[in-house]
Structures are given as C-alpha cells and as structure tokens.
Amino acid sequence: MDDRTGCKGELQGVIEERTKKGDRLISRTAYMRPRGGGVEWEAPLNRIRLADDNG
C-alpha cells in the first residue's frame, strides 16, 4: 500500500540509486501495479508498506 495515495498493489520491483564514488545510497524507488492489472506507479520505497488482505 502506498501510504500517501492509499493505492494498493503488488510490488513489481525496487531500484536503488547510488553514487559512483563511495557507493552511497541516494534513493530507493518502488514500482507497484494494481492487483489484477492496471497502470503501474512509482513511489519512494519508504512510502510503501504491507496492506491488510481485506481489500
């Protein structure tokens, strides 16, 4: 679940952006898709959490 939008979906992948020098983490982006199909969206990984199974 995307905490900001309330959209629920399945995690398709995560991309980490790092610096070339020092391999320092800059950001993590989650790619989500609604269950059953639909338009994929992206959000910062820290905004994504497990959703309950009730909808």
PDB file of N, CA and C in Angstrom:
ATOM      1  N   MET A   1       0.846  -1.182   0.000  1.00  0.00           N
ATOM      2  CA  MET A   1       0.000   0.000   0.000  1.00  0.00           C
ATOM      3  C   MET A   1       0.889   1.242   0.000  1.00  0.00           C
ATOM      4  N   ASP A   2       0.484   2.192  -0.800  1.00  0.00           N
ATOM      5  CA  ASP A   2       1.164   3.488  -0.853  1.00  0.00           C
ATOM      6  C   ASP A   2       0.520   4.370   0.214  1.00  0.00           C
ATOM      7  N   ASP A   3       1.258   4.689   1.253  1.00  0.00           N
ATOM      8  CA  ASP A   3       0.710   5.452   2.379  1.00  0.00           C
ATOM      9  C   ASP A   3       0.175   6.828   1.987  1.00  0.00           C
ATOM     10  N   ARG A   4       0.776   7.476   1.014  1.00  0.00           N
ATOM     11  CA  ARG A   4       0.337   8.829   0.642  1.00  0.00           C
ATOM     12  C   ARG A   4      -0.955   8.801  -0.161  1.00  0.00           C
ATOM     13  N   THR A   5      -1.049   7.872  -1.135  1.00  0.00           N
ATOM     14  CA  THR A   5      -2.217   7.854  -2.014  1.00  0.00           C
ATOM     15  C   THR A   5      -3.297   6.880  -1.563  1.00  0.00           C
ATOM     16  N   GLY A   6      -2.925   5.887  -0.735  1.00  0.00           N
ATOM     17  CA  GLY A   6      -3.874   4.865  -0.320  1.00  0.00           C
ATOM     18  C   GLY A   6      -4.059   3.770  -1.353  1.00  0.00           C
ATOM     19  N   CYS A   7      -3.341   3.844  -2.466  1.00  0.00           N
ATOM     20  CA  CYS A   7      -3.452   2.828  -3.515  1.00  0.00           C
ATOM     21  C   CYS A   7      -2.805   1.532  -3.065  1.00  0.00           C
ATOM     22  N   LYS A   8      -3.489   0.424  -3.376  1.00  0.00           N
ATOM     23  CA  LYS A   8      -2.944  -0.889  -3.044  1.00  0.00           C
ATOM     24  C   LYS A   8      -2.523  -1.592  -4.325  1.00  0.00           C
ATOM     25  N   GLY A   9      -1.454  -2.347  -4.251  1.00  0.00           N
ATOM     26  CA  GLY A   9      -0.979  -3.068  -5.415  1.00  0.00           C
ATOM     27  C   GLY A   9       0.088  -4.070  -5.030  1.00  0.00           C
ATOM     28  N   GLU A  10       0.659  -4.681  -6.053  1.00  0.00           N
ATOM     29  CA  GLU A  10       1.733  -5.655  -5.854  1.00  0.00           C
ATOM     30  C   GLU A  10       3.054  -5.020  -6.241  1.00  0.00           C
ATOM     31  N   LEU A  11       4.047  -5.260  -5.426  1.00  0.00           N
ATOM     32  CA  LEU A  11       5.387  -4.734  -5.683  1.00  0.00           C
ATOM     33  C   LEU A  11       5.972  -5.439  -6.901  1.00  0.00           C
ATOM     34  N   GLN A  12       6.351  -4.671  -7.914  1.00  0.00           N
ATOM     35  CA  GLN A  12       6.938  -5.228  -9.133  1.00  0.00           C
ATOM     36  C   GLN A  12       8.457  -5.212  -9.074  1.00  0.00           C
ATOM     37  N   GLY A  13       9.012  -4.257  -8.340  1.00  0.00           N
ATOM     38  CA  GLY A  13      10.461  -4.162  -8.240  1.00  0.00           C
ATOM     39  C   GLY A  13      10.877  -2.920  -7.491  1.00  0.00           C
ATOM     40  N   VAL A  14      12.155  -2.886  -7.154  1.00  0.00           N
ATOM     41  CA  VAL A  14      12.735  -1.737  -6.457  1.00  0.00           C
ATOM     42  C   VAL A  14      14.042  -1.392  -7.149  1.00  0.00           C
ATOM     43  N   ILE A  15      14.246  -0.109  -7.412  1.00  0.00           N
ATOM     44  CA  ILE A  15      15.503   0.353  -7.990  1.00  0.00           C
ATOM     45  C   ILE A  15      16.189   1.246  -6.964  1.00  0.00           C
ATOM     46  N   GLU A  16      17.456   0.948  -6.726  1.00  0.00           N
ATOM     47  CA  GLU A  16      18.270   1.767  -5.828  1.00  0.00           C
ATOM     48  C   GLU A  16      19.179   2.647  -6.669  1.00  0.00           C
ATOM     49  N   GLU A  17      19.249   3.914  -6.306  1.00  0.00           N
ATOM     50  CA  GLU A  17      20.169   4.836  -6.947  1.00  0.00           C
ATOM     51  C   GLU A  17      21.316   5.089  -5.977  1.00  0.00           C
ATOM     52  N   ARG A  18      22.545   4.892  -6.465  1.00  0.00           N
ATOM     53  CA  ARG A  18      23.737   5.045  -5.626  1.00  0.00           C
ATOM     54  C   ARG A  18      24.768   5.924  -6.322  1.00  0.00           C
ATOM     55  N   THR A  19      25.647   6.527  -5.540  1.00  0.00           N
ATOM     56  CA  THR A  19      26.732   7.312  -6.109  1.00  0.00           C
ATOM     57  C   THR A  19      27.781   6.372  -6.681  1.00  0.00           C
ATOM     58  N   LYS A  20      28.469   6.819  -7.725  1.00  0.00           N
ATOM     59  CA  LYS A  20      29.553   6.013  -8.292  1.00  0.00           C
ATOM     60  C   LYS A  20      30.730   5.941  -7.324  1.00  0.00           C
ATOM     61  N   LYS A  21      31.015   7.070  -6.739  1.00  0.00           N
ATOM     62  CA  LYS A  21      32.140   7.128  -5.817  1.00  0.00           C
ATOM     63  C   LYS A  21      31.625   6.893  -4.400  1.00  0.00           C
ATOM     64  N   GLY A  22      32.045   5.841  -3.776  1.00  0.00           N
ATOM     65  CA  GLY A  22      31.650   5.540  -2.411  1.00  0.00           C
ATOM     66  C   GLY A  22      30.411   4.666  -2.281  1.00  0.00           C
ATOM     67  N   ASP A  23      29.705   4.430  -3.392  1.00  0.00           N
ATOM     68  CA  ASP A  23      28.534   3.550  -3.401  1.00  0.00           C
ATOM     69  C   ASP A  23      27.505   3.950  -2.329  1.00  0.00           C
ATOM     70  N   ARG A  24      27.339   5.257  -2.129  1.00  0.00           N
ATOM     71  CA  ARG A  24      26.397   5.766  -1.126  1.00  0.00           C
ATOM     72  C   ARG A  24      24.974   5.732  -1.686  1.00  0.00           C
ATOM     73  N   LEU A  25      24.041   5.248  -0.892  1.00  0.00           N
ATOM     74  CA  LEU A  25      22.637   5.161  -1.299  1.00  0.00           C
ATOM     75  C   LEU A  25      22.033   6.555  -1.392  1.00  0.00           C
ATOM     76  N   ILE A  26      21.409   6.854  -2.522  1.00  0.00           N
ATOM     77  CA  ILE A  26      20.745   8.141  -2.731  1.00  0.00           C
ATOM     78  C   ILE A  26      19.240   7.985  -2.551  1.00  0.00           C
ATOM     79  N   SER A  27      18.661   6.977  -3.206  1.00  0.00           N
ATOM     80  CA  SER A  27      17.215   6.782  -3.103  1.00  0.00           C
ATOM     81  C   SER A  27      16.835   5.346  -3.450  1.00  0.00           C
ATOM     82  N   ARG A  28      15.638   4.954  -3.026  1.00  0.00           N
ATOM     83  CA  ARG A  28      15.043   3.668  -3.378  1.00  0.00           C
ATOM     84  C   ARG A  28      13.641   3.945  -3.899  1.00  0.00           C
ATOM     85  N   THR A  29      13.349   3.468  -5.100  1.00  0.00           N
ATOM     86  CA  THR A  29      12.045   3.672  -5.715  1.00  0.00           C
ATOM     87  C   THR A  29      11.352   2.335  -5.900  1.00  0.00           C
ATOM     88  N   ALA A  30      10.111   2.254  -5.415  1.00  0.00           N
ATOM     89  CA  ALA A  30       9.298   1.045  -5.565  1.00  0.00           C
ATOM     90  C   ALA A  30       8.395   1.217  -6.780  1.00  0.00           C
ATOM     91  N   TYR A  31       8.222   0.141  -7.532  1.00  0.00           N
ATOM     92  CA  TYR A  31       7.312   0.112  -8.676  1.00  0.00           C
ATOM     93  C   TYR A  31       6.170  -0.823  -8.328  1.00  0.00           C
ATOM     94  N   MET A  32       4.946  -0.280  -8.344  1.00  0.00           N
ATOM     95  CA  MET A  32       3.754  -1.006  -7.910  1.00  0.00           C
ATOM     96  C   MET A  32       2.757  -1.110  -9.054  1.00  0.00           C
ATOM     97  N   ARG A  33       1.973  -2.184  -9.040  1.00  0.00           N
ATOM     98  CA  ARG A  33       0.900  -2.362 -10.027  1.00  0.00           C
ATOM     99  C   ARG A  33      -0.335  -2.859  -9.301  1.00  0.00           C
ATOM    100  N   PRO A  34      -1.521  -2.327  -9.641  1.00  0.00           N
ATOM    101  CA  PRO A  34      -2.746  -2.798  -9.002  1.00  0.00           C
ATOM    102  C   PRO A  34      -2.919  -4.304  -9.218  1.00  0.00           C
ATOM    103  N   ARG A  35      -3.413  -4.997  -8.224  1.00  0.00           N
ATOM    104  CA  ARG A  35      -3.667  -6.431  -8.335  1.00  0.00           C
ATOM    105  C   ARG A  35      -4.669  -6.668  -9.460  1.00  0.00           C
ATOM    106  N   GLY A  36      -4.380  -7.594 -10.341  1.00  0.00           N
ATOM    107  CA  GLY A  36      -5.262  -7.881 -11.469  1.00  0.00           C
ATOM    108  C   GLY A  36      -4.925  -7.067 -12.714  1.00  0.00           C
ATOM    109  N   GLY A  37      -3.925  -6.188 -12.617  1.00  0.00           N
ATOM    110  CA  GLY A  37      -3.510  -5.389 -13.768  1.00  0.00           C
ATOM    111  C   GLY A  37      -3.877  -3.930 -13.624  1.00  0.00           C
ATOM    112  N   GLY A  38      -3.353  -3.150 -14.506  1.00  0.00           N
ATOM    113  CA  GLY A  38      -3.614  -1.714 -14.472  1.00  0.00           C
ATOM    114  C   GLY A  38      -2.329  -0.934 -14.646  1.00  0.00           C
ATOM    115  N   VAL A  39      -2.419   0.346 -14.422  1.00  0.00           N
ATOM    116  CA  VAL A  39      -1.281   1.235 -14.633  1.00  0.00           C
ATOM    117  C   VAL A  39      -0.323   1.157 -13.449  1.00  0.00           C
ATOM    118  N   GLU A  40       0.927   0.898 -13.772  1.00  0.00           N
ATOM    119  CA  GLU A  40       1.975   0.835 -12.749  1.00  0.00           C
ATOM    120  C   GLU A  40       2.285   2.250 -12.273  1.00  0.00           C
ATOM    121  N   TRP A  41       2.638   2.369 -10.984  1.00  0.00           N
ATOM    122  CA  TRP A  41       3.059   3.663 -10.469  1.00  0.00           C
ATOM    123  C   TRP A  41       4.335   3.469  -9.664  1.00  0.00           C
ATOM    124  N   GLU A  42       5.013   4.569  -9.438  1.00  0.00           N
ATOM    125  CA  GLU A  42       6.237   4.525  -8.645  1.00  0.00           C
ATOM    126  C   GLU A  42       6.086   5.416  -7.430  1.00  0.00           C
ATOM    127  N   ALA A  43       6.812   5.048  -6.388  1.00  0.00           N
ATOM    128  CA  ALA A  43       6.778   5.801  -5.140  1.00  0.00           C
ATOM    129  C   ALA A  43       8.075   5.526  -4.392  1.00  0.00           C
ATOM    130  N   PRO A  44       8.517   6.463  -3.554  1.00  0.00           N
ATOM    131  CA  PRO A  44       9.674   6.177  -2.710  1.00  0.00           C
ATOM    132  C   PRO A  44       9.389   4.935  -1.860  1.00  0.00           C
ATOM    133  N   LEU A  45      10.362   4.069  -1.731  1.00  0.00           N
ATOM    134  CA  LEU A  45      10.169   2.814  -1.013  1.00  0.00           C
ATOM    135  C   LEU A  45       9.712   3.045   0.424  1.00  0.00           C
ATOM    136  N   ASN A  46      10.146   4.121   1.058  1.00  0.00           N
ATOM    137  CA  ASN A  46       9.759   4.376   2.445  1.00  0.00           C
ATOM    138  C   ASN A  46       8.291   4.752   2.591  1.00  0.00           C
ATOM    139  N   ARG A  47       7.591   4.950   1.474  1.00  0.00           N
ATOM    140  CA  ARG A  47       6.161   5.259   1.494  1.00  0.00           C
ATOM    141  C   ARG A  47       5.296   4.006   1.309  1.00  0.00           C
ATOM    142  N   ILE A  48       5.923   2.866   1.036  1.00  0.00           N
ATOM    143  CA  ILE A  48       5.222   1.612   0.770  1.00  0.00           C
ATOM    144  C   ILE A  48       5.239   0.741   2.023  1.00  0.00           C
ATOM    145  N   ARG A  49       4.080   0.138   2.313  1.00  0.00           N
ATOM    146  CA  ARG A  49       4.007  -0.776   3.461  1.00  0.00           C
ATOM    147  C   ARG A  49       3.113  -1.944   3.090  1.00  0.00           C
ATOM    148  N   LEU A  50       3.172  -2.992   3.884  1.00  0.00           N
ATOM    149  CA  LEU A  50       2.281  -4.132   3.679  1.00  0.00           C
ATOM    150  C   LEU A  50       0.847  -3.707   3.967  1.00  0.00           C
ATOM    151  N   ALA A  51      -0.077  -4.136   3.122  1.00  0.00           N
ATOM    152  CA  ALA A  51      -1.501  -3.840   3.327  1.00  0.00           C
ATOM    153  C   ALA A  51      -2.170  -5.062   3.896  1.00  0.00           C
ATOM    154  N   ASP A  52      -3.295  -4.849   4.581  1.00  0.00           N
ATOM    155  CA  ASP A  52      -4.048  -5.995   5.065  1.00  0.00           C
ATOM    156  C   ASP A  52      -4.730  -6.674   3.872  1.00  0.00           C
ATOM    157  N   ASP A  53      -5.257  -7.875   4.066  1.00  0.00           N
ATOM    158  CA  ASP A  53      -5.879  -8.644   2.989  1.00  0.00           C
ATOM    159  C   ASP A  53      -7.362  -8.349   2.823  1.00  0.00           C
ATOM    160  N   ASN A  54      -7.869  -7.329   3.470  1.00  0.00           N
ATOM    161  CA  ASN A  54      -9.306  -7.042   3.447  1.00  0.00           C
ATOM    162  C   ASN A  54      -9.709  -6.061   2.352  1.00  0.00           C
ATOM    163  N   GLY A  55      -9.033  -6.074   1.235  1.00  0.00           N
ATOM    164  CA  GLY A  55      -9.459  -5.176   0.167  1.00  0.00           C
ATOM    165  C   GLY A  55      -8.331  -4.587  -0.511  1.00  0.00           C
TER     166      GLY A  55
END
